[in-house]
Amino acid sequence: MTLDNILTFGTMGAWFVSEIVINISKRGKGLMAKKSPGKISNLLALLIGVASVAVATFIGVLAKSNDIRWLFSPIYAVSYTGLGIILLGVVIRCIAVIQLKRCFTVDVGIVEGHNLMTSGLYRFIRHPSYLGTLITFLGCGISYVNWLCVIILIVPNVIWAVMRMNEEEQVLATHFGADYQAYVMRTKRLLPFIY
């Protein structure tokens, strides 16, 4: 096994393990409403995430074996940069989860004693967890050194994230009212000063 393979499998493994841990440990514990409006978006997240990674991996491996590059020249530095971006995304997502503590759930909803988080990463953007996820998908595409892989990984996952943010913001606006509206007015969703 080459160093490239070890780094790739290790990075992808860290990403997948972090997602499994978050999804098992943060599944709807203590939600006030028994019915979560995010059931469909949870299923979509799984389907879109797995399908986009599978298709991008197939294309990336096929392109690599045929020495086809649609993004950069076939140098390991670009692939390693992509792996670094994956780890950056994982770190941002994990920090966002840790900062929300017990109020973070993978289901859309409000937990008992839920406080509106406006500090840490949440001081700058409203959805740092999704930012981390999207950065991870971007890094995965770059690690394949292939434009098509980047598009396959980013486009459907951005569409899903926007849908999910809309669901969450409706629930938060209903629960926190004017406080949430004031928070929305002074922050962006994913990118400070941009969106």
N, C-alpha and C. Protein backbone atom coordinates (compact mmCIF):
# COMPACT_ATOMS: atom_id res chain seq x y z
N MET A 1 0.85 -1.18 0.00
CA MET A 1 0.00 0.00 0.00
C MET A 1 0.89 1.25 0.00
N THR A 2 0.58 2.19 -0.87
CA THR A 2 1.40 3.39 -0.99
C THR A 2 1.02 4.42 0.07
N LEU A 3 1.88 5.40 0.27
CA LEU A 3 1.60 6.50 1.20
C LEU A 3 0.34 7.23 0.79
N ASP A 4 0.16 7.44 -0.51
CA ASP A 4 -1.05 8.10 -1.02
C ASP A 4 -2.30 7.35 -0.58
N ASN A 5 -2.30 6.03 -0.72
CA ASN A 5 -3.46 5.22 -0.32
C ASN A 5 -3.69 5.28 1.18
N ILE A 6 -2.62 5.22 1.96
CA ILE A 6 -2.74 5.26 3.42
C ILE A 6 -3.36 6.59 3.86
N LEU A 7 -2.85 7.70 3.30
CA LEU A 7 -3.39 9.01 3.66
C LEU A 7 -4.85 9.16 3.22
N THR A 8 -5.16 8.68 2.03
CA THR A 8 -6.54 8.78 1.53
C THR A 8 -7.49 7.97 2.39
N PHE A 9 -7.17 6.70 2.62
CA PHE A 9 -8.05 5.85 3.43
C PHE A 9 -8.15 6.35 4.87
N GLY A 10 -7.04 6.83 5.42
CA GLY A 10 -7.05 7.35 6.78
C GLY A 10 -7.93 8.59 6.92
N THR A 11 -7.82 9.50 5.95
CA THR A 11 -8.62 10.73 5.99
C THR A 11 -10.10 10.42 5.78
N MET A 12 -10.40 9.62 4.77
CA MET A 12 -11.79 9.25 4.51
C MET A 12 -12.37 8.49 5.70
N GLY A 13 -11.56 7.63 6.29
CA GLY A 13 -12.00 6.88 7.47
C GLY A 13 -12.33 7.80 8.63
N ALA A 14 -11.49 8.80 8.87
CA ALA A 14 -11.75 9.76 9.95
C ALA A 14 -13.05 10.50 9.70
N TRP A 15 -13.29 10.88 8.44
CA TRP A 15 -14.54 11.57 8.09
C TRP A 15 -15.74 10.67 8.37
N PHE A 16 -15.70 9.44 7.87
CA PHE A 16 -16.84 8.54 8.03
C PHE A 16 -17.08 8.20 9.49
N VAL A 17 -16.02 7.96 10.24
CA VAL A 17 -16.18 7.64 11.67
C VAL A 17 -16.79 8.83 12.41
N SER A 18 -16.34 10.05 12.11
CA SER A 18 -16.90 11.22 12.78
C SER A 18 -18.39 11.35 12.49
N GLU A 19 -18.80 11.07 11.26
CA GLU A 19 -20.22 11.15 10.91
C GLU A 19 -21.04 10.06 11.60
N ILE A 20 -20.49 8.87 11.69
CA ILE A 20 -21.20 7.78 12.38
C ILE A 20 -21.38 8.13 13.85
N VAL A 21 -20.32 8.62 14.49
CA VAL A 21 -20.40 8.97 15.91
C VAL A 21 -21.43 10.08 16.13
N ILE A 22 -21.38 11.13 15.30
CA ILE A 22 -22.34 12.23 15.44
C ILE A 22 -23.76 11.72 15.23
N ASN A 23 -23.98 10.92 14.20
CA ASN A 23 -25.34 10.45 13.90
C ASN A 23 -25.89 9.48 14.93
N ILE A 24 -25.03 8.69 15.55
CA ILE A 24 -25.51 7.78 16.59
C ILE A 24 -25.72 8.52 17.91
N SER A 25 -24.76 9.35 18.29
CA SER A 25 -24.82 10.00 19.60
C SER A 25 -25.77 11.19 19.65
N LYS A 26 -26.11 11.76 18.51
CA LYS A 26 -26.92 12.99 18.49
C LYS A 26 -28.27 12.80 17.80
N ARG A 27 -28.80 11.60 17.84
CA ARG A 27 -30.08 11.33 17.20
C ARG A 27 -31.23 11.67 18.14
N GLY A 28 -31.82 12.85 17.96
CA GLY A 28 -33.08 13.26 18.59
C GLY A 28 -33.26 13.06 20.07
N LYS A 29 -32.20 13.11 20.86
CA LYS A 29 -32.33 12.94 22.30
C LYS A 29 -32.95 14.18 22.91
N GLY A 30 -34.04 14.00 23.64
CA GLY A 30 -34.66 15.10 24.37
C GLY A 30 -35.43 16.09 23.53
N LEU A 31 -35.81 15.71 22.30
CA LEU A 31 -36.59 16.63 21.48
C LEU A 31 -37.95 16.88 22.12
N MET A 32 -38.37 18.15 22.13
CA MET A 32 -39.67 18.49 22.72
C MET A 32 -40.82 17.98 21.86
N ALA A 33 -40.72 18.13 20.55
CA ALA A 33 -41.76 17.64 19.64
C ALA A 33 -41.39 16.22 19.22
N LYS A 34 -42.35 15.33 19.27
CA LYS A 34 -42.08 13.94 18.91
C LYS A 34 -41.91 13.78 17.40
N LYS A 35 -42.52 14.66 16.62
CA LYS A 35 -42.42 14.56 15.16
C LYS A 35 -41.46 15.62 14.66
N SER A 36 -40.39 15.18 14.05
CA SER A 36 -39.38 16.09 13.51
C SER A 36 -39.71 16.43 12.07
N PRO A 37 -39.69 17.74 11.71
CA PRO A 37 -39.93 18.08 10.31
C PRO A 37 -38.79 17.67 9.38
N GLY A 38 -37.68 17.19 9.94
CA GLY A 38 -36.51 16.88 9.13
C GLY A 38 -36.34 15.42 8.78
N LYS A 39 -37.36 14.58 8.93
CA LYS A 39 -37.21 13.15 8.62
C LYS A 39 -36.83 12.93 7.16
N ILE A 40 -37.49 13.64 6.25
CA ILE A 40 -37.20 13.46 4.82
C ILE A 40 -35.79 13.99 4.52
N SER A 41 -35.43 15.14 5.10
CA SER A 41 -34.10 15.68 4.80
C SER A 41 -33.00 14.82 5.42
N ASN A 42 -33.28 14.10 6.52
CA ASN A 42 -32.30 13.15 7.06
C ASN A 42 -32.05 12.02 6.07
N LEU A 43 -33.12 11.49 5.50
CA LEU A 43 -33.00 10.42 4.52
C LEU A 43 -32.29 10.93 3.26
N LEU A 44 -32.65 12.14 2.83
CA LEU A 44 -31.99 12.73 1.66
C LEU A 44 -30.50 12.94 1.91
N ALA A 45 -30.15 13.37 3.12
CA ALA A 45 -28.73 13.58 3.45
C ALA A 45 -27.96 12.29 3.27
N LEU A 46 -28.50 11.21 3.77
CA LEU A 46 -27.84 9.92 3.65
C LEU A 46 -27.73 9.50 2.19
N LEU A 47 -28.85 9.56 1.47
CA LEU A 47 -28.85 9.12 0.07
C LEU A 47 -27.95 9.99 -0.80
N ILE A 48 -28.07 11.31 -0.67
CA ILE A 48 -27.26 12.22 -1.49
C ILE A 48 -25.78 12.09 -1.13
N GLY A 49 -25.49 12.06 0.17
CA GLY A 49 -24.10 11.95 0.60
C GLY A 49 -23.43 10.68 0.11
N VAL A 50 -24.09 9.55 0.33
CA VAL A 50 -23.51 8.26 -0.07
C VAL A 50 -23.42 8.16 -1.59
N ALA A 51 -24.49 8.55 -2.28
CA ALA A 51 -24.49 8.46 -3.75
C ALA A 51 -23.43 9.36 -4.37
N SER A 52 -23.31 10.60 -3.87
CA SER A 52 -22.34 11.52 -4.47
C SER A 52 -20.91 11.05 -4.23
N VAL A 53 -20.63 10.52 -3.03
CA VAL A 53 -19.29 10.00 -2.75
C VAL A 53 -19.01 8.77 -3.60
N ALA A 54 -20.00 7.89 -3.72
CA ALA A 54 -19.81 6.67 -4.52
C ALA A 54 -19.54 6.99 -5.99
N VAL A 55 -20.36 7.87 -6.56
CA VAL A 55 -20.19 8.23 -7.97
C VAL A 55 -18.86 8.95 -8.19
N ALA A 56 -18.54 9.90 -7.31
CA ALA A 56 -17.28 10.64 -7.44
C ALA A 56 -16.08 9.71 -7.28
N THR A 57 -16.18 8.76 -6.37
CA THR A 57 -15.09 7.81 -6.18
C THR A 57 -14.90 6.96 -7.43
N PHE A 58 -16.00 6.47 -7.99
CA PHE A 58 -15.92 5.67 -9.21
C PHE A 58 -15.26 6.48 -10.33
N ILE A 59 -15.73 7.71 -10.53
CA ILE A 59 -15.16 8.55 -11.59
C ILE A 59 -13.71 8.89 -11.29
N GLY A 60 -13.41 9.21 -10.04
CA GLY A 60 -12.04 9.55 -9.66
C GLY A 60 -11.07 8.41 -9.87
N VAL A 61 -11.49 7.20 -9.49
CA VAL A 61 -10.62 6.03 -9.68
C VAL A 61 -10.48 5.70 -11.16
N LEU A 62 -11.58 5.79 -11.89
CA LEU A 62 -11.54 5.53 -13.34
C LEU A 62 -10.61 6.53 -14.03
N ALA A 63 -10.77 7.80 -13.68
CA ALA A 63 -9.93 8.83 -14.30
C ALA A 63 -8.46 8.64 -13.93
N LYS A 64 -8.22 8.29 -12.67
CA LYS A 64 -6.83 8.09 -12.23
C LYS A 64 -6.19 6.91 -12.94
N SER A 65 -6.96 5.83 -13.10
CA SER A 65 -6.39 4.64 -13.75
C SER A 65 -6.14 4.89 -15.24
N ASN A 66 -6.89 5.82 -15.84
CA ASN A 66 -6.69 6.16 -17.25
C ASN A 66 -5.89 7.44 -17.41
N ASP A 67 -5.38 7.96 -16.29
CA ASP A 67 -4.57 9.18 -16.26
C ASP A 67 -5.31 10.36 -16.90
N ILE A 68 -6.60 10.50 -16.56
CA ILE A 68 -7.41 11.63 -17.03
C ILE A 68 -7.54 12.61 -15.87
N ARG A 69 -7.24 13.87 -16.11
CA ARG A 69 -7.39 14.89 -15.08
C ARG A 69 -8.19 16.06 -15.67
N TRP A 70 -9.28 16.43 -14.96
CA TRP A 70 -10.09 17.54 -15.43
C TRP A 70 -9.96 18.76 -14.52
N LEU A 71 -9.10 18.70 -13.54
CA LEU A 71 -8.98 19.82 -12.62
C LEU A 71 -7.57 20.37 -12.58
N PHE A 72 -6.63 19.55 -12.27
CA PHE A 72 -5.24 19.97 -12.14
C PHE A 72 -4.35 18.94 -12.81
N SER A 73 -3.07 19.24 -12.86
CA SER A 73 -2.13 18.22 -13.33
C SER A 73 -2.06 17.12 -12.28
N PRO A 74 -1.73 15.92 -12.67
CA PRO A 74 -1.76 14.80 -11.73
C PRO A 74 -0.59 14.83 -10.73
N ILE A 75 -0.67 15.76 -9.80
CA ILE A 75 0.37 15.82 -8.78
C ILE A 75 -0.24 15.51 -7.42
N TYR A 76 0.53 14.84 -6.60
CA TYR A 76 0.03 14.43 -5.29
C TYR A 76 -0.27 15.62 -4.39
N ALA A 77 0.43 16.74 -4.57
CA ALA A 77 0.21 17.90 -3.71
C ALA A 77 -1.25 18.36 -3.75
N VAL A 78 -1.88 18.30 -4.92
CA VAL A 78 -3.29 18.70 -5.03
C VAL A 78 -4.17 17.72 -4.29
N SER A 79 -3.91 16.44 -4.47
CA SER A 79 -4.67 15.42 -3.77
C SER A 79 -4.51 15.57 -2.26
N TYR A 80 -3.30 15.82 -1.80
CA TYR A 80 -3.06 16.01 -0.37
C TYR A 80 -3.74 17.27 0.15
N THR A 81 -3.80 18.30 -0.68
CA THR A 81 -4.52 19.52 -0.29
C THR A 81 -5.99 19.19 -0.08
N GLY A 82 -6.56 18.41 -0.97
CA GLY A 82 -7.95 17.97 -0.82
C GLY A 82 -8.17 17.20 0.47
N LEU A 83 -7.23 16.32 0.81
CA LEU A 83 -7.34 15.56 2.07
C LEU A 83 -7.27 16.51 3.27
N GLY A 84 -6.42 17.53 3.18
CA GLY A 84 -6.35 18.52 4.26
C GLY A 84 -7.64 19.29 4.40
N ILE A 85 -8.28 19.61 3.26
CA ILE A 85 -9.56 20.32 3.29
C ILE A 85 -10.64 19.43 3.91
N ILE A 86 -10.61 18.14 3.63
CA ILE A 86 -11.55 17.20 4.27
C ILE A 86 -11.40 17.30 5.79
N LEU A 87 -10.16 17.23 6.27
CA LEU A 87 -9.95 17.27 7.72
C LEU A 87 -10.38 18.61 8.31
N LEU A 88 -10.16 19.71 7.58
CA LEU A 88 -10.62 21.02 8.04
C LEU A 88 -12.14 21.01 8.21
N GLY A 89 -12.85 20.47 7.23
CA GLY A 89 -14.30 20.38 7.31
C GLY A 89 -14.77 19.54 8.49
N VAL A 90 -14.10 18.41 8.72
CA VAL A 90 -14.45 17.55 9.86
C VAL A 90 -14.25 18.31 11.17
N VAL A 91 -13.15 19.03 11.29
CA VAL A 91 -12.86 19.79 12.51
C VAL A 91 -13.92 20.87 12.73
N ILE A 92 -14.28 21.62 11.68
CA ILE A 92 -15.30 22.66 11.83
C ILE A 92 -16.62 22.06 12.26
N ARG A 93 -17.01 20.95 11.63
CA ARG A 93 -18.28 20.30 12.02
C ARG A 93 -18.24 19.82 13.46
N CYS A 94 -17.17 19.20 13.86
CA CYS A 94 -17.06 18.70 15.23
C CYS A 94 -17.08 19.83 16.25
N ILE A 95 -16.40 20.93 15.95
CA ILE A 95 -16.42 22.09 16.86
C ILE A 95 -17.85 22.62 16.98
N ALA A 96 -18.56 22.72 15.87
CA ALA A 96 -19.95 23.20 15.90
C ALA A 96 -20.82 22.30 16.76
N VAL A 97 -20.65 20.99 16.64
CA VAL A 97 -21.42 20.03 17.44
C VAL A 97 -21.07 20.18 18.92
N ILE A 98 -19.80 20.27 19.23
CA ILE A 98 -19.35 20.41 20.62
C ILE A 98 -19.86 21.71 21.24
N GLN A 99 -19.84 22.80 20.47
CA GLN A 99 -20.29 24.08 21.01
C GLN A 99 -21.78 24.08 21.32
N LEU A 100 -22.58 23.37 20.55
CA LEU A 100 -24.01 23.29 20.83
C LEU A 100 -24.34 22.32 21.96
N LYS A 101 -23.38 21.47 22.31
CA LYS A 101 -23.54 20.48 23.38
C LYS A 101 -24.80 19.65 23.17
N ARG A 102 -25.64 19.54 24.18
CA ARG A 102 -26.81 18.68 24.10
C ARG A 102 -27.91 19.24 23.20
N CYS A 103 -27.80 20.51 22.81
CA CYS A 103 -28.80 21.11 21.92
C CYS A 103 -28.61 20.71 20.46
N PHE A 104 -27.45 20.11 20.13
CA PHE A 104 -27.24 19.63 18.77
C PHE A 104 -27.90 18.28 18.60
N THR A 105 -28.75 18.17 17.59
CA THR A 105 -29.30 16.86 17.21
C THR A 105 -29.24 16.74 15.69
N VAL A 106 -29.19 15.53 15.20
CA VAL A 106 -29.22 15.35 13.76
C VAL A 106 -30.65 15.45 13.24
N ASP A 107 -31.61 15.51 14.15
CA ASP A 107 -33.00 15.73 13.78
C ASP A 107 -33.32 17.21 13.94
N VAL A 108 -34.25 17.71 13.17
CA VAL A 108 -34.65 19.11 13.29
C VAL A 108 -35.61 19.21 14.47
N GLY A 109 -35.24 20.02 15.44
CA GLY A 109 -36.12 20.18 16.60
C GLY A 109 -35.46 20.95 17.73
N ILE A 110 -36.25 21.18 18.75
CA ILE A 110 -35.82 21.91 19.94
C ILE A 110 -35.80 20.92 21.10
N VAL A 111 -34.72 20.95 21.88
CA VAL A 111 -34.63 20.08 23.05
C VAL A 111 -35.06 20.86 24.29
N GLU A 112 -35.37 20.15 25.36
CA GLU A 112 -35.73 20.79 26.63
C GLU A 112 -34.61 21.71 27.07
N GLY A 113 -34.95 22.93 27.45
CA GLY A 113 -33.95 23.88 27.92
C GLY A 113 -33.04 24.41 26.83
N HIS A 114 -33.49 24.35 25.58
CA HIS A 114 -32.69 24.78 24.44
C HIS A 114 -32.40 26.27 24.52
N ASN A 115 -31.14 26.64 24.42
CA ASN A 115 -30.73 28.04 24.38
C ASN A 115 -30.27 28.38 22.97
N LEU A 116 -30.53 29.62 22.56
CA LEU A 116 -30.07 30.07 21.26
C LEU A 116 -28.57 30.31 21.33
N MET A 117 -27.82 29.58 20.54
CA MET A 117 -26.35 29.70 20.54
C MET A 117 -25.95 30.85 19.62
N THR A 118 -25.25 31.83 20.19
CA THR A 118 -24.78 32.98 19.41
C THR A 118 -23.31 33.27 19.68
N SER A 119 -22.60 32.31 20.23
CA SER A 119 -21.17 32.50 20.50
C SER A 119 -20.37 31.42 19.78
N GLY A 120 -19.06 31.48 19.92
CA GLY A 120 -18.19 30.52 19.23
C GLY A 120 -18.33 30.70 17.72
N LEU A 121 -18.36 29.59 17.00
CA LEU A 121 -18.54 29.66 15.55
C LEU A 121 -19.88 30.29 15.19
N TYR A 122 -20.87 30.11 16.06
CA TYR A 122 -22.23 30.61 15.82
C TYR A 122 -22.31 32.13 15.92
N ARG A 123 -21.27 32.74 16.41
CA ARG A 123 -21.21 34.21 16.45
C ARG A 123 -21.08 34.77 15.03
N PHE A 124 -20.45 34.00 14.15
CA PHE A 124 -20.14 34.47 12.79
C PHE A 124 -21.12 33.96 11.75
N ILE A 125 -21.56 32.71 11.89
CA ILE A 125 -22.51 32.11 10.94
C ILE A 125 -23.52 31.27 11.70
N ARG A 126 -24.69 31.08 11.09
CA ARG A 126 -25.76 30.35 11.76
C ARG A 126 -25.65 28.83 11.62
N HIS A 127 -24.92 28.36 10.62
CA HIS A 127 -24.88 26.91 10.37
C HIS A 127 -23.45 26.40 10.16
N PRO A 128 -22.58 26.52 11.15
CA PRO A 128 -21.20 26.07 10.96
C PRO A 128 -21.08 24.56 10.74
N SER A 129 -22.02 23.80 11.26
CA SER A 129 -21.98 22.36 11.05
C SER A 129 -22.14 22.02 9.57
N TYR A 130 -23.06 22.71 8.89
CA TYR A 130 -23.23 22.47 7.46
C TYR A 130 -22.06 23.02 6.66
N LEU A 131 -21.50 24.12 7.11
CA LEU A 131 -20.29 24.63 6.45
C LEU A 131 -19.19 23.57 6.50
N GLY A 132 -18.99 22.97 7.68
CA GLY A 132 -17.99 21.91 7.80
C GLY A 132 -18.27 20.74 6.88
N THR A 133 -19.53 20.35 6.79
CA THR A 133 -19.91 19.24 5.91
C THR A 133 -19.61 19.57 4.45
N LEU A 134 -19.98 20.77 4.02
CA LEU A 134 -19.76 21.15 2.62
C LEU A 134 -18.27 21.31 2.30
N ILE A 135 -17.49 21.81 3.26
CA ILE A 135 -16.04 21.89 3.07
C ILE A 135 -15.47 20.48 2.90
N THR A 136 -15.99 19.54 3.65
CA THR A 136 -15.53 18.16 3.57
C THR A 136 -15.80 17.58 2.18
N PHE A 137 -17.01 17.80 1.66
CA PHE A 137 -17.33 17.33 0.31
C PHE A 137 -16.44 18.00 -0.73
N LEU A 138 -16.19 19.29 -0.57
CA LEU A 138 -15.29 19.99 -1.50
C LEU A 138 -13.90 19.36 -1.47
N GLY A 139 -13.38 19.13 -0.27
CA GLY A 139 -12.06 18.50 -0.14
C GLY A 139 -12.00 17.13 -0.77
N CYS A 140 -13.09 16.39 -0.63
CA CYS A 140 -13.15 15.06 -1.24
C CYS A 140 -13.03 15.17 -2.76
N GLY A 141 -13.78 16.11 -3.35
CA GLY A 141 -13.70 16.30 -4.80
C GLY A 141 -12.31 16.72 -5.25
N ILE A 142 -11.70 17.63 -4.51
CA ILE A 142 -10.35 18.09 -4.86
C ILE A 142 -9.35 16.95 -4.73
N SER A 143 -9.56 16.09 -3.73
CA SER A 143 -8.61 14.98 -3.53
C SER A 143 -8.59 14.02 -4.72
N TYR A 144 -9.69 14.00 -5.49
CA TYR A 144 -9.72 13.17 -6.70
C TYR A 144 -9.08 13.86 -7.89
N VAL A 145 -8.69 15.13 -7.72
CA VAL A 145 -8.02 15.91 -8.77
C VAL A 145 -8.86 15.90 -10.04
N ASN A 146 -10.16 16.23 -9.88
CA ASN A 146 -11.08 16.06 -10.99
C ASN A 146 -12.27 17.02 -10.84
N TRP A 147 -12.48 17.88 -11.82
CA TRP A 147 -13.58 18.84 -11.79
C TRP A 147 -14.93 18.16 -11.66
N LEU A 148 -15.14 17.10 -12.42
CA LEU A 148 -16.43 16.42 -12.39
C LEU A 148 -16.74 15.90 -10.99
N CYS A 149 -15.74 15.39 -10.30
CA CYS A 149 -15.94 14.90 -8.93
C CYS A 149 -16.34 16.05 -8.00
N VAL A 150 -15.70 17.20 -8.17
CA VAL A 150 -16.05 18.37 -7.35
C VAL A 150 -17.51 18.74 -7.56
N ILE A 151 -17.94 18.80 -8.80
CA ILE A 151 -19.33 19.17 -9.12
C ILE A 151 -20.31 18.14 -8.54
N ILE A 152 -20.01 16.85 -8.73
CA ILE A 152 -20.89 15.78 -8.24
C ILE A 152 -21.01 15.82 -6.72
N LEU A 153 -19.95 16.19 -6.04
CA LEU A 153 -19.98 16.23 -4.58
C LEU A 153 -20.57 17.52 -4.02
N ILE A 154 -20.39 18.62 -4.70
CA ILE A 154 -20.85 19.90 -4.16
C ILE A 154 -22.30 20.22 -4.50
N VAL A 155 -22.68 20.14 -5.76
CA VAL A 155 -24.00 20.63 -6.18
C VAL A 155 -25.16 19.96 -5.42
N PRO A 156 -25.29 18.64 -5.41
CA PRO A 156 -26.44 18.06 -4.71
C PRO A 156 -26.39 18.28 -3.20
N ASN A 157 -25.19 18.32 -2.62
CA ASN A 157 -25.09 18.52 -1.19
C ASN A 157 -25.38 19.96 -0.78
N VAL A 158 -25.06 20.93 -1.63
CA VAL A 158 -25.44 22.33 -1.35
C VAL A 158 -26.96 22.47 -1.43
N ILE A 159 -27.58 21.85 -2.42
CA ILE A 159 -29.04 21.91 -2.54
C ILE A 159 -29.68 21.32 -1.29
N TRP A 160 -29.19 20.16 -0.84
CA TRP A 160 -29.72 19.56 0.38
C TRP A 160 -29.51 20.48 1.59
N ALA A 161 -28.32 21.05 1.72
CA ALA A 161 -28.02 21.89 2.88
C ALA A 161 -28.94 23.11 2.94
N VAL A 162 -29.21 23.72 1.80
CA VAL A 162 -30.12 24.88 1.77
C VAL A 162 -31.52 24.46 2.21
N MET A 163 -31.99 23.32 1.72
CA MET A 163 -33.29 22.81 2.13
C MET A 163 -33.33 22.57 3.64
N ARG A 164 -32.28 21.96 4.15
CA ARG A 164 -32.22 21.64 5.58
C ARG A 164 -32.12 22.92 6.43
N MET A 165 -31.34 23.89 5.99
CA MET A 165 -31.24 25.15 6.73
C MET A 165 -32.60 25.84 6.78
N ASN A 166 -33.36 25.80 5.70
CA ASN A 166 -34.70 26.39 5.69
C ASN A 166 -35.58 25.73 6.75
N GLU A 167 -35.54 24.39 6.84
CA GLU A 167 -36.33 23.67 7.84
C GLU A 167 -35.93 24.09 9.25
N GLU A 168 -34.63 24.10 9.50
CA GLU A 168 -34.14 24.44 10.84
C GLU A 168 -34.50 25.87 11.22
N GLU A 169 -34.34 26.78 10.27
CA GLU A 169 -34.61 28.18 10.59
C GLU A 169 -36.08 28.43 10.87
N GLN A 170 -36.97 27.68 10.23
CA GLN A 170 -38.40 27.80 10.55
C GLN A 170 -38.66 27.38 11.99
N VAL A 171 -38.08 26.25 12.40
CA VAL A 171 -38.27 25.76 13.76
C VAL A 171 -37.68 26.74 14.78
N LEU A 172 -36.47 27.23 14.52
CA LEU A 172 -35.83 28.16 15.44
C LEU A 172 -36.57 29.48 15.52
N ALA A 173 -37.08 29.98 14.40
CA ALA A 173 -37.83 31.24 14.39
C ALA A 173 -39.12 31.10 15.18
N THR A 174 -39.76 29.95 15.03
CA THR A 174 -41.00 29.72 15.77
C THR A 174 -40.73 29.65 17.28
N HIS A 175 -39.66 28.98 17.67
CA HIS A 175 -39.37 28.80 19.09
C HIS A 175 -38.79 30.06 19.75
N PHE A 176 -37.84 30.71 19.08
CA PHE A 176 -37.13 31.83 19.70
C PHE A 176 -37.66 33.21 19.30
N GLY A 177 -38.54 33.26 18.30
CA GLY A 177 -39.20 34.50 17.92
C GLY A 177 -38.25 35.64 17.58
N ALA A 178 -38.46 36.79 18.27
CA ALA A 178 -37.72 38.02 17.98
C ALA A 178 -36.22 37.85 18.20
N ASP A 179 -35.83 37.04 19.20
CA ASP A 179 -34.40 36.82 19.44
C ASP A 179 -33.73 36.17 18.24
N TYR A 180 -34.44 35.21 17.63
CA TYR A 180 -33.86 34.55 16.47
C TYR A 180 -33.82 35.49 15.27
N GLN A 181 -34.88 36.28 15.11
CA GLN A 181 -34.89 37.24 13.99
C GLN A 181 -33.74 38.24 14.10
N ALA A 182 -33.45 38.69 15.32
CA ALA A 182 -32.33 39.62 15.54
C ALA A 182 -31.01 38.93 15.20
N TYR A 183 -30.90 37.65 15.57
CA TYR A 183 -29.70 36.87 15.27
C TYR A 183 -29.52 36.71 13.76
N VAL A 184 -30.62 36.44 13.05
CA VAL A 184 -30.59 36.30 11.60
C VAL A 184 -30.14 37.61 10.95
N MET A 185 -30.57 38.73 11.49
CA MET A 185 -30.22 40.03 10.90
C MET A 185 -28.73 40.34 11.02
N ARG A 186 -28.07 39.81 12.03
CA ARG A 186 -26.65 40.15 12.21
C ARG A 186 -25.68 39.05 11.79
N THR A 187 -26.18 37.93 11.28
CA THR A 187 -25.30 36.83 10.84
C THR A 187 -25.69 36.35 9.45
N LYS A 188 -24.77 35.63 8.83
CA LYS A 188 -25.04 34.96 7.56
C LYS A 188 -25.21 33.47 7.82
N ARG A 189 -25.71 32.75 6.84
CA ARG A 189 -25.93 31.31 7.00
C ARG A 189 -24.63 30.50 7.05
N LEU A 190 -23.79 30.66 6.02
CA LEU A 190 -22.61 29.78 5.88
C LEU A 190 -21.29 30.52 5.77
N LEU A 191 -21.29 31.66 5.11
CA LEU A 191 -20.05 32.39 4.85
C LEU A 191 -20.17 33.81 5.40
N PRO A 192 -19.36 34.17 6.38
CA PRO A 192 -19.46 35.53 6.94
C PRO A 192 -19.41 36.59 5.85
N PHE A 193 -20.31 37.57 5.96
CA PHE A 193 -20.43 38.73 5.06
C PHE A 193 -20.90 38.37 3.65
N ILE A 194 -21.09 37.09 3.34
CA ILE A 194 -21.45 36.70 1.95
C ILE A 194 -22.81 36.02 1.89
N TYR A 195 -22.96 34.87 2.52
CA TYR A 195 -24.22 34.11 2.48
C TYR A 195 -24.45 33.39 3.79
